[in-house]
Protein backbone atom coordinates (compact mmCIF):
# COMPACT_ATOMS: atom_id res chain seq x y z
CA UNK A 1 8.65 5.06 -18.88
CA UNK A 2 7.21 7.15 -16.07
CA UNK A 3 7.36 5.89 -12.50
CA UNK A 4 4.01 5.29 -10.85
CA UNK A 5 3.05 7.56 -7.98
CA UNK A 6 2.92 5.32 -4.93
CA UNK A 7 1.79 8.04 -2.57
CA UNK A 8 -1.18 6.71 -0.63
CA UNK A 9 -4.38 8.66 -1.20
CA UNK A 10 -5.45 11.04 1.56
CA UNK A 11 -7.67 9.51 4.18
CA UNK A 12 -9.86 10.57 7.06
CA UNK A 13 -8.41 10.53 10.56
CA UNK A 14 -9.04 7.43 12.65
CA UNK A 15 -11.00 9.51 15.17
CA UNK A 16 -13.33 10.74 12.41
CA UNK A 17 -13.89 7.20 11.16
CA UNK A 18 -14.47 5.94 14.71
CA UNK A 19 -17.09 8.63 15.35
CA UNK A 20 -18.87 7.84 12.08
CA UNK A 21 -18.69 4.10 12.75
CA UNK A 22 -20.31 4.54 16.16
CA UNK A 23 -23.09 6.72 14.79
CA UNK A 24 -23.77 4.40 11.85
CA UNK A 25 -23.97 1.39 14.15
CA UNK A 26 -26.69 3.15 16.12
CA UNK A 27 -28.46 4.07 12.89
CA UNK A 28 -28.62 0.40 11.92
CA UNK A 29 -29.81 -0.63 15.37
CA UNK A 30 -32.52 2.05 15.55
CA UNK A 31 -33.54 2.02 11.89
CA UNK A 32 -32.96 5.75 11.45
CA UNK A 33 -30.16 8.30 11.52
CA UNK A 34 -29.81 10.23 14.74
CA UNK A 35 -29.18 13.97 14.98
CA UNK A 36 -25.48 13.52 15.73
CA UNK A 37 -24.91 12.24 12.18
CA UNK A 38 -25.16 15.81 10.93
CA UNK A 39 -22.25 17.04 13.02
CA UNK A 40 -20.12 14.02 12.17
CA UNK A 41 -20.76 14.46 8.44
CA UNK A 42 -19.97 18.18 8.67
CA UNK A 43 -16.65 17.34 10.33
CA UNK A 44 -15.85 14.57 7.86
CA UNK A 45 -16.68 16.79 4.88
CA UNK A 46 -14.58 19.67 6.23
CA UNK A 47 -11.66 17.31 6.87
CA UNK A 48 -12.02 15.82 3.39
CA UNK A 49 -12.01 19.24 1.72
CA UNK A 50 -8.99 20.31 3.79
CA UNK A 51 -7.07 17.17 2.80
CA UNK A 52 -8.02 17.36 -0.86
CA UNK A 53 -10.30 14.32 -0.73
CA UNK A 54 -12.82 14.61 -3.55
CA UNK A 55 -16.53 14.08 -2.88
CA UNK A 56 -16.45 10.80 -4.79
CA UNK A 57 -13.57 9.52 -2.66
CA UNK A 58 -15.42 10.51 0.50
CA UNK A 59 -18.48 8.58 -0.65
CA UNK A 60 -16.35 5.49 -1.26
CA UNK A 61 -14.88 5.84 2.24
CA UNK A 62 -18.36 6.10 3.77
CA UNK A 63 -19.75 3.20 1.76
CA UNK A 64 -16.77 1.03 2.71
CA UNK A 65 -17.31 1.96 6.34
CA UNK A 66 -21.05 1.21 6.07
CA UNK A 67 -20.56 -2.22 4.49
CA UNK A 68 -17.87 -3.13 7.03
CA UNK A 69 -20.25 -2.86 9.97
CA UNK A 70 -21.05 -6.28 11.43
CA UNK A 71 -24.47 -5.00 12.53
CA UNK A 72 -25.43 -4.71 8.87
CA UNK A 73 -24.79 -8.40 8.21
CA UNK A 74 -26.89 -9.40 11.21
CA UNK A 75 -29.72 -6.99 10.44
CA UNK A 76 -33.08 -8.27 9.26
CA UNK A 77 -34.40 -5.20 7.42
CA UNK A 78 -32.51 -4.81 4.13
CA UNK A 79 -35.02 -2.28 2.76
CA UNK A 80 -34.55 -0.03 5.77
CA UNK A 81 -30.78 -0.31 5.51
CA UNK A 82 -30.82 0.54 1.82
CA UNK A 83 -32.87 3.65 2.63
CA UNK A 84 -30.42 4.56 5.42
CA UNK A 85 -27.48 4.23 3.03
CA UNK A 86 -29.20 6.39 0.41
CA UNK A 87 -29.90 9.05 3.03
CA UNK A 88 -26.30 8.86 4.26
CA UNK A 89 -24.99 9.41 0.73
CA UNK A 90 -27.37 12.29 0.09
CA UNK A 91 -26.50 13.99 3.36
CA UNK A 92 -22.78 13.49 2.76
CA UNK A 93 -22.97 15.14 -0.67
CA UNK A 94 -24.96 18.01 0.80
CA UNK A 95 -22.42 18.60 3.59
CA UNK A 96 -19.43 18.31 1.25
CA UNK A 97 -20.74 21.06 -1.03
CA UNK A 98 -22.25 23.20 1.75
CA UNK A 99 -19.03 25.20 2.15
């Protein structure tokens, strides 16, 4: 029987997650993504590629981060937030494969 690999999967740095969290909170509050999301996604995508994090894993990380935001639970515009999440996913995929 083969031993299971218990090596934790690669992850984004706490500073990267904190920057994204801050930007996404403002996106929810304002109802749109601000310009600084682009730079944060570029950095996150570059870090992910460097660490061997696949695009799918990066999307799971971002979606987990998105759904963990308390502002989302208190928000009153679910349609807007769904559109923001779709745009976030699209932009993330674009930045991941831009290099």
